[in-house]
């Protein structure tokens, strides 16, 4: 019997994954590796600004470190479903550490071209790293604990998003960017040390096929499986509006309220606090619905769109802060719930390919949403841009939900 229609026991989920020795080892490694991702992202951005003084170049470096996943991610997803995932994880974590170490050693002579090369290398490695990272954890534990693994990893990611940039900024300010790069390198070491001791489930046997055939097979699975298809569609509609809106907080802070950098810090902290609160509730077992999209998740998705509308209509600063916090809460709640729903019953043989599509959907929809909201803000102002984004997102979600109900 699958878990697709089973409401998982909250007490089992609340601490279940940490009772598994394999997961405890994995978490020890992934905890620091995720810190490295955020430290290196902040450090690269700072180096781009320090060396050129160009905001456009900072954006270029950030884009090059993320964009390759949109193109290469699905192909690396195919490879994740084919190869020894421990060796793949060792290769991606080790390659990332090597690139950062090389950049740290060459930093005195590094200019804009070298930063572009480093960012592109990190982007390509990340294209493989993300599907491997998202596939390894669930293959270390029994199926009934997969949802908790996904939740704990989301909590770790959100904590790192808040803590690691602060650490990176402090290290850069007190010791320099070179030291910050070496901190990132060191953060990959625990993962490299625990990987030889991990024993993931073996992939099921499968007939030989070309990379393209396997890629198309993964897409077919995602499109024909109702749960995966609906989760991807809802993620697209939700992330474009809600997460896209959270990407333009600088415009809301200064353009709408004139609060400057200090205001941006307050909005970012509010979004982070909402995300952390959501992840903590998930980690203790609340909202553990197994392999299904529960009504509570759909309500949270609609509440997120409502928060975006409230961000645009907020007449006073405290209400804007509260609306951003709700958007951050709903963003993590919906994201973790959707990913857990997909991963709980997902066959190991499809895990890499399906989760690579999830990554493409997540990255692409946020980028498109931020671009759309920013473009609307240029035309009608940030307040009405957020209102339009929230309304369009809510209508798109409603259409998807009605379609789900019609199909039963």
Protein backbone atom coordinates (compact mmCIF):
# COMPACT_ATOMS: atom_id res chain seq x y z
CA UNK A 1 0.00 0.00 0.00
CA UNK A 2 1.39 3.40 -0.94
CA UNK A 3 1.31 6.53 1.17
CA UNK A 4 -0.55 8.55 -1.45
CA UNK A 5 -3.81 8.64 0.50
CA UNK A 6 -2.38 7.99 3.95
CA UNK A 7 -2.32 10.76 6.56
CA UNK A 8 1.06 10.22 8.19
CA UNK A 9 1.32 10.06 11.96
CA UNK A 10 2.63 13.37 13.29
CA UNK A 11 4.55 11.86 16.17
CA UNK A 12 6.42 9.55 13.81
CA UNK A 13 7.39 12.46 11.57
CA UNK A 14 8.33 14.78 14.41
CA UNK A 15 11.64 13.03 15.11
CA UNK A 16 11.61 10.02 12.85
CA UNK A 17 14.38 10.84 10.39
CA UNK A 18 16.90 11.58 13.15
CA UNK A 19 16.41 8.10 14.58
CA UNK A 20 18.05 6.79 11.41
CA UNK A 21 21.85 6.69 11.69
CA UNK A 22 22.30 7.16 7.95
CA UNK A 23 20.26 10.34 7.98
CA UNK A 24 22.11 11.71 11.01
CA UNK A 25 25.39 11.32 9.13
CA UNK A 26 23.91 12.84 6.00
CA UNK A 27 22.50 15.80 7.92
CA UNK A 28 25.89 16.46 9.52
CA UNK A 29 27.33 16.84 6.05
CA UNK A 30 24.47 18.66 4.35
CA UNK A 31 24.12 21.15 7.21
CA UNK A 32 27.52 22.64 6.48
CA UNK A 33 27.32 22.17 2.71
CA UNK A 34 24.18 24.33 2.56
CA UNK A 35 25.94 27.04 4.59
CA UNK A 36 28.67 26.95 1.95
CA UNK A 37 26.15 27.61 -0.83
CA UNK A 38 24.99 30.85 0.79
CA UNK A 39 28.43 32.01 1.93
CA UNK A 40 29.85 31.58 -1.57
CA UNK A 41 26.84 33.35 -3.14
CA UNK A 42 27.29 36.41 -0.91
CA UNK A 43 31.07 36.41 -1.41
CA UNK A 44 30.81 36.20 -5.21
CA UNK A 45 28.33 39.06 -5.22
CA UNK A 46 30.61 41.17 -3.06
CA UNK A 47 33.65 40.43 -5.24
CA UNK A 48 31.65 41.36 -8.35
CA UNK A 49 30.77 44.72 -6.79
CA UNK A 50 34.21 45.32 -5.28
CA UNK A 51 36.09 44.65 -8.52
CA UNK A 52 33.80 46.55 -10.91
CA UNK A 53 31.43 48.84 -8.97
CA UNK A 54 28.74 47.82 -11.46
CA UNK A 55 25.27 46.72 -10.33
CA UNK A 56 24.76 45.16 -13.75
CA UNK A 57 27.87 43.02 -13.34
CA UNK A 58 26.68 41.88 -9.91
CA UNK A 59 23.45 40.73 -11.57
CA UNK A 60 25.38 39.00 -14.34
CA UNK A 61 27.49 37.04 -11.87
CA UNK A 62 24.39 36.06 -9.87
CA UNK A 63 22.60 34.99 -13.04
CA UNK A 64 25.51 32.92 -14.31
CA UNK A 65 25.64 31.02 -11.02
CA UNK A 66 21.92 30.11 -11.31
CA UNK A 67 20.90 30.10 -14.99
CA UNK A 68 22.74 26.92 -16.13
CA UNK A 69 20.38 24.86 -13.95
CA UNK A 70 17.48 25.88 -16.19
CA UNK A 71 19.14 24.29 -19.22
CA UNK A 72 21.40 21.58 -17.83
CA UNK A 73 19.39 20.53 -14.77
CA UNK A 74 17.12 18.00 -16.56
CA UNK A 75 20.11 16.31 -18.20
CA UNK A 76 21.91 16.02 -14.88
CA UNK A 77 18.65 14.67 -13.48
CA UNK A 78 18.93 11.83 -16.00
CA UNK A 79 22.49 11.13 -14.86
CA UNK A 80 21.39 11.18 -11.20
CA UNK A 81 19.00 8.32 -11.99
CA UNK A 82 21.80 6.35 -13.66
CA UNK A 83 24.97 6.68 -11.62
CA UNK A 84 26.19 5.84 -8.13
CA UNK A 85 24.67 8.75 -6.22
CA UNK A 86 27.39 8.72 -3.55
CA UNK A 87 30.07 9.21 -6.19
CA UNK A 88 27.95 11.87 -7.88
CA UNK A 89 27.58 13.73 -4.58
CA UNK A 90 31.31 13.44 -3.94
CA UNK A 91 31.98 14.81 -7.42
CA UNK A 92 29.65 17.81 -7.09
CA UNK A 93 30.67 18.76 -3.55
CA UNK A 94 34.35 18.21 -4.32
CA UNK A 95 34.19 20.17 -7.58
CA UNK A 96 32.52 23.08 -5.85
CA UNK A 97 35.22 23.13 -3.19
CA UNK A 98 37.95 22.98 -5.84
CA UNK A 99 36.51 25.92 -7.81
CA UNK A 100 36.25 28.04 -4.67
CA UNK A 101 39.76 27.08 -3.56
CA UNK A 102 41.16 28.00 -6.98
CA UNK A 103 39.35 31.35 -6.85
CA UNK A 104 40.70 32.02 -3.35
CA UNK A 105 44.28 31.24 -4.44
CA UNK A 106 43.99 33.40 -7.55
CA UNK A 107 42.08 36.22 -5.88
CA UNK A 108 44.91 38.82 -5.95
CA UNK A 109 44.92 38.57 -9.75
CA UNK A 110 41.18 38.05 -10.25
CA UNK A 111 39.26 40.48 -12.43
CA UNK A 112 35.86 40.51 -14.05
CA UNK A 113 36.66 37.76 -16.58
CA UNK A 114 37.83 35.37 -13.87
CA UNK A 115 34.71 36.07 -11.81
CA UNK A 116 32.53 35.30 -14.83
CA UNK A 117 34.37 32.00 -15.36
CA UNK A 118 34.05 31.10 -11.66
CA UNK A 119 30.34 31.97 -11.57
CA UNK A 120 29.67 29.94 -14.71
CA UNK A 121 31.61 26.97 -13.32
CA UNK A 122 29.61 27.16 -10.08
CA UNK A 123 26.39 27.39 -12.09
CA UNK A 124 27.23 24.27 -14.12
CA UNK A 125 28.24 22.30 -11.03
CA UNK A 126 25.09 23.45 -9.24
CA UNK A 127 23.02 22.08 -12.13
CA UNK A 128 24.21 18.62 -11.13
CA UNK A 129 24.49 19.29 -7.41
CA UNK A 130 20.82 20.16 -6.80
CA UNK A 131 19.18 16.97 -8.20
CA UNK A 132 21.86 14.87 -6.50
CA UNK A 133 21.34 16.66 -3.17
CA UNK A 134 17.56 16.31 -3.36
CA UNK A 135 17.73 12.63 -4.34
CA UNK A 136 20.33 11.35 -1.88
CA UNK A 137 18.56 12.12 1.40
CA UNK A 138 15.26 10.33 0.58
CA UNK A 139 17.18 7.22 -0.57
CA UNK A 140 18.82 6.88 2.85
CA UNK A 141 15.63 6.33 4.89
CA UNK A 142 12.48 4.19 4.75
CA UNK A 143 9.74 5.59 2.52
CA UNK A 144 7.56 6.64 5.45
CA UNK A 145 10.29 9.04 6.62
CA UNK A 146 10.88 10.75 3.27
CA UNK A 147 8.51 13.59 4.10
CA UNK A 148 10.43 14.41 7.27
CA UNK A 149 13.73 14.31 5.40
CA UNK A 150 12.37 16.86 2.91
CA UNK A 151 11.07 19.05 5.74
CA UNK A 152 14.31 19.01 7.72
CA UNK A 153 16.32 19.85 4.61
CA UNK A 154 13.99 22.79 3.94
CA UNK A 155 14.44 24.00 7.52
CA UNK A 156 18.21 23.73 7.13
CA UNK A 157 18.08 25.66 3.85
CA UNK A 158 15.95 28.47 5.32
CA UNK A 159 18.11 28.77 8.43
CA UNK A 160 21.20 28.95 6.22
CA UNK A 161 19.55 31.64 4.10
CA UNK A 162 19.27 33.80 7.23
CA UNK A 163 22.45 32.91 9.11
CA UNK A 164 25.08 32.24 6.43
CA UNK A 165 24.87 35.67 4.71
CA UNK A 166 25.40 37.34 8.09
CA UNK A 167 28.44 35.16 8.73
CA UNK A 168 29.74 35.83 5.23
CA UNK A 169 29.31 39.59 5.65
CA UNK A 170 31.10 39.54 9.00
CA UNK A 171 33.98 37.44 7.64
CA UNK A 172 34.35 39.67 4.57
CA UNK A 173 34.30 42.82 6.72
CA UNK A 174 36.82 41.54 9.28
CA UNK A 175 39.08 39.19 7.33
CA UNK A 176 38.38 39.72 3.64
CA UNK A 177 36.71 37.88 0.78
CA UNK A 178 39.58 35.40 0.46
CA UNK A 179 38.94 34.07 3.97
CA UNK A 180 35.21 33.87 3.22
CA UNK A 181 35.98 31.69 0.19
CA UNK A 182 38.09 29.37 2.35
CA UNK A 183 35.24 29.19 4.87
CA UNK A 184 33.03 27.93 2.03
CA UNK A 185 35.65 25.36 1.06
CA UNK A 186 35.84 24.08 4.65
CA UNK A 187 32.05 23.83 4.85
CA UNK A 188 32.09 21.22 2.07
CA UNK A 189 34.56 19.01 3.96
CA UNK A 190 32.10 17.33 6.38
CA UNK A 191 29.95 16.14 3.46
CA UNK A 192 32.98 14.72 1.68
CA UNK A 193 33.95 12.88 4.89
CA UNK A 194 30.55 11.30 5.61
CA UNK A 195 29.73 10.22 2.05
CA UNK A 196 31.82 6.99 2.14
CA UNK A 197 29.75 5.82 5.15
CA UNK A 198 26.35 6.37 3.51
CA UNK A 199 24.50 3.43 1.92
CA UNK A 200 21.61 4.69 -0.22
CA UNK A 201 19.02 2.33 -1.69
CA UNK A 202 20.17 0.84 -4.98
CA UNK A 203 18.36 1.95 -8.10
CA UNK A 204 16.00 -0.61 -9.63
CA UNK A 205 17.26 -2.40 -12.76
CA UNK A 206 16.25 -0.81 -16.03
CA UNK A 207 16.90 -1.45 -19.71
CA UNK A 208 19.59 0.63 -21.45
CA UNK A 209 18.32 3.83 -23.06
CA UNK A 210 19.74 7.03 -24.50
CA UNK A 211 19.97 10.20 -22.42
CA UNK A 212 17.25 11.79 -24.54
CA UNK A 213 14.96 8.78 -24.13
CA UNK A 214 15.42 8.82 -20.36
CA UNK A 215 14.82 12.57 -20.28
CA UNK A 216 11.57 12.21 -22.23
CA UNK A 217 10.55 9.29 -20.01
CA UNK A 218 11.01 11.47 -16.92
CA UNK A 219 8.96 14.25 -18.48
CA UNK A 220 6.25 11.73 -19.42
CA UNK A 221 6.11 10.51 -15.82
CA UNK A 222 5.83 14.07 -14.49
CA UNK A 223 3.06 14.96 -16.94
CA UNK A 224 1.01 11.78 -16.61
CA UNK A 225 1.23 11.32 -12.83
CA UNK A 226 -1.63 13.49 -11.48
CA UNK A 227 0.08 14.34 -8.20
CA UNK A 228 3.37 15.40 -9.77
CA UNK A 229 1.66 17.31 -12.59
CA UNK A 230 -0.64 19.22 -10.23
CA UNK A 231 2.19 20.00 -7.81
CA UNK A 232 4.35 21.38 -10.62
CA UNK A 233 1.51 23.50 -12.01
CA UNK A 234 0.60 24.91 -8.60
CA UNK A 235 4.27 25.59 -7.92
CA UNK A 236 4.49 27.52 -11.19
CA UNK A 237 1.47 29.71 -10.39
CA UNK A 238 2.44 30.23 -6.75
CA UNK A 239 6.14 30.89 -7.23
CA UNK A 240 5.70 33.34 -10.10
CA UNK A 241 3.52 35.65 -8.01
CA UNK A 242 4.51 35.07 -4.37
CA UNK A 243 8.21 34.26 -4.63
CA UNK A 244 8.54 36.68 -7.53
CA UNK A 245 7.11 39.41 -5.30
CA UNK A 246 9.60 38.56 -2.56
CA UNK A 247 12.42 39.16 -5.05
CA UNK A 248 11.46 42.83 -5.50
CA UNK A 249 11.42 43.80 -1.83
CA UNK A 250 13.98 46.58 -2.43
CA UNK A 251 11.42 48.36 -4.61
CA UNK A 252 8.70 47.97 -1.97
CA UNK A 253 10.97 49.13 0.86
CA UNK A 254 12.36 52.23 -0.81
CA UNK A 255 10.10 52.92 -3.77
CA UNK A 256 6.79 52.65 -1.89
CA UNK A 257 7.78 53.57 1.67
CA UNK A 258 11.10 55.42 1.32
CA UNK A 259 12.71 53.26 3.99
CA UNK A 260 16.01 52.63 2.17
CA UNK A 261 18.44 49.84 3.04
CA UNK A 262 17.25 49.67 6.65
CA UNK A 263 13.71 49.07 5.46
CA UNK A 264 14.89 46.37 3.08
CA UNK A 265 16.61 44.67 6.00
CA UNK A 266 13.36 44.73 7.98
CA UNK A 267 11.34 43.25 5.09
CA UNK A 268 13.96 40.59 4.42
CA UNK A 269 14.00 39.67 8.11
CA UNK A 270 10.19 39.49 8.14
CA UNK A 271 10.18 37.14 5.13
CA UNK A 272 12.88 35.03 6.76
CA UNK A 273 11.04 34.90 10.08
CA UNK A 274 7.89 33.73 8.30
CA UNK A 275 9.84 31.08 6.42
CA UNK A 276 11.58 29.83 9.56
CA UNK A 277 8.31 29.66 11.51
CA UNK A 278 6.75 27.63 8.72
CA UNK A 279 9.70 25.26 8.46
CA UNK A 280 9.77 24.73 12.24
CA UNK A 281 6.07 23.81 12.27
CA UNK A 282 6.71 21.40 9.43
CA UNK A 283 9.71 19.91 11.20
CA UNK A 284 7.64 19.00 14.28
CA UNK A 285 5.08 17.22 12.14
CA UNK A 286 2.33 19.76 11.51
CA UNK A 287 0.92 19.55 8.01
CA UNK A 288 2.28 16.04 7.36
CA UNK A 289 -0.08 14.90 4.63
CA UNK A 290 1.89 12.21 2.82
CA UNK A 291 1.78 11.96 -0.94
CA UNK A 292 -1.18 14.22 -1.60
CA UNK A 293 -1.97 17.90 -1.93
CA UNK A 294 -4.17 18.56 1.09
CA UNK A 295 -6.79 21.33 1.28
CA UNK A 296 -4.67 23.11 3.91
CA UNK A 297 -1.88 23.44 1.35
CA UNK A 298 -4.28 24.90 -1.21
CA UNK A 299 -5.55 27.41 1.37
CA UNK A 300 -1.95 28.36 2.18
CA UNK A 301 -1.30 28.91 -1.53
CA UNK A 302 -4.30 31.24 -1.77
CA UNK A 303 -3.25 33.02 1.44
CA UNK A 304 0.15 33.64 -0.11
CA UNK A 305 -1.47 35.38 -3.08
CA UNK A 306 -3.59 37.38 -0.65
CA UNK A 307 -0.41 38.45 1.15
CA UNK A 308 1.04 39.73 -2.12
CA UNK A 309 -2.11 41.79 -2.73
CA UNK A 310 -1.87 43.10 0.86
CA UNK A 311 1.77 44.07 0.25
CA UNK A 312 0.58 46.28 -2.59
CA UNK A 313 -2.38 47.77 -0.74
CA UNK A 314 -0.65 48.31 2.62
CA UNK A 315 -1.20 51.94 3.65
CA UNK A 316 1.26 51.78 6.55
CA UNK A 317 4.70 50.26 7.06
CA UNK A 318 3.80 47.75 9.84
CA UNK A 319 1.11 46.19 7.65
CA UNK A 320 3.61 45.84 4.81
CA UNK A 321 6.01 44.04 7.16
CA UNK A 322 3.24 41.71 8.35
CA UNK A 323 2.17 40.96 4.77
CA UNK A 324 5.73 40.08 3.77
CA UNK A 325 6.01 37.78 6.82
CA UNK A 326 2.81 35.97 5.77
CA UNK A 327 4.13 35.65 2.22
CA UNK A 328 7.38 34.16 3.56
CA UNK A 329 5.44 31.73 5.77
CA UNK A 330 3.18 30.59 2.92
CA UNK A 331 6.09 30.33 0.50
CA UNK A 332 7.91 27.82 2.69
CA UNK A 333 4.72 25.97 3.71
CA UNK A 334 3.60 25.48 0.11
CA UNK A 335 7.09 24.73 -1.20
CA UNK A 336 7.88 22.10 1.44
CA UNK A 337 4.40 20.55 1.18
CA UNK A 338 4.59 20.25 -2.60
CA UNK A 339 8.07 18.81 -2.56
CA UNK A 340 7.18 16.34 0.20
CA UNK A 341 4.04 15.28 -1.67
CA UNK A 342 6.08 14.58 -4.80
CA UNK A 343 8.98 12.83 -3.05
CA UNK A 344 7.05 10.59 -0.65
CA UNK A 345 5.93 7.99 -3.20
CA UNK A 346 8.31 8.93 -6.02
CA UNK A 347 10.13 5.85 -7.37
CA UNK A 348 13.89 6.08 -6.82
CA UNK A 349 14.43 5.44 -10.52
CA UNK A 350 12.64 8.71 -11.38
CA UNK A 351 13.73 10.83 -8.42
CA UNK A 352 16.62 12.66 -10.08
CA UNK A 353 14.69 13.48 -13.26
CA UNK A 354 11.49 14.61 -11.57
CA UNK A 355 13.28 16.73 -8.98
CA UNK A 356 15.41 18.34 -11.68
CA UNK A 357 12.15 19.43 -13.33
CA UNK A 358 11.04 20.74 -9.95
CA UNK A 359 14.24 22.80 -9.74
CA UNK A 360 13.75 24.16 -13.26
CA UNK A 361 10.16 25.04 -12.41
CA UNK A 362 11.19 26.74 -9.18
CA UNK A 363 14.12 28.72 -10.57
CA UNK A 364 12.37 29.62 -13.81
CA UNK A 365 9.07 30.70 -12.27
CA UNK A 366 10.76 32.92 -9.67
CA UNK A 367 12.89 34.56 -12.35
CA UNK A 368 9.87 35.12 -14.62
CA UNK A 369 7.78 36.39 -11.71
CA UNK A 370 10.43 38.85 -10.58
CA UNK A 371 10.85 40.07 -14.16
CA UNK A 372 7.07 40.48 -14.59
CA UNK A 373 6.52 42.27 -11.28
CA UNK A 374 9.51 44.52 -11.93
CA UNK A 375 8.23 45.36 -15.41
CA UNK A 376 4.75 46.11 -14.12
CA UNK A 377 6.24 48.28 -11.39
CA UNK A 378 8.01 50.40 -14.01
CA UNK A 379 4.66 50.92 -15.74
CA UNK A 380 2.13 51.29 -12.91
CA UNK A 381 4.17 51.49 -9.71
CA UNK A 382 5.10 48.75 -7.25
CA UNK A 383 1.82 48.89 -5.31
CA UNK A 384 -0.44 48.14 -8.26
CA UNK A 385 2.10 45.70 -9.71
CA UNK A 386 1.86 43.58 -6.55
CA UNK A 387 -1.94 43.77 -6.57
CA UNK A 388 -2.07 42.59 -10.19
CA UNK A 389 0.49 39.82 -9.54
CA UNK A 390 -1.49 38.51 -6.55
CA UNK A 391 -4.80 38.60 -8.40
CA UNK A 392 -3.44 36.85 -11.50
CA UNK A 393 -1.69 34.26 -9.32
CA UNK A 394 -4.87 33.60 -7.33
CA UNK A 395 -6.94 33.18 -10.51
CA UNK A 396 -4.34 30.81 -12.01
CA UNK A 397 -4.31 28.72 -8.83
CA UNK A 398 -8.09 28.65 -8.72
CA UNK A 399 -8.21 27.36 -12.30
CA UNK A 400 -5.70 24.61 -11.46
CA UNK A 401 -7.62 23.63 -8.30
CA UNK A 402 -10.91 23.44 -10.20
CA UNK A 403 -9.21 21.27 -12.80
CA UNK A 404 -7.95 18.97 -10.06
CA UNK A 405 -11.47 18.62 -8.66
CA UNK A 406 -12.98 17.87 -12.06
CA UNK A 407 -10.49 15.07 -12.62
CA UNK A 408 -11.22 13.69 -9.15
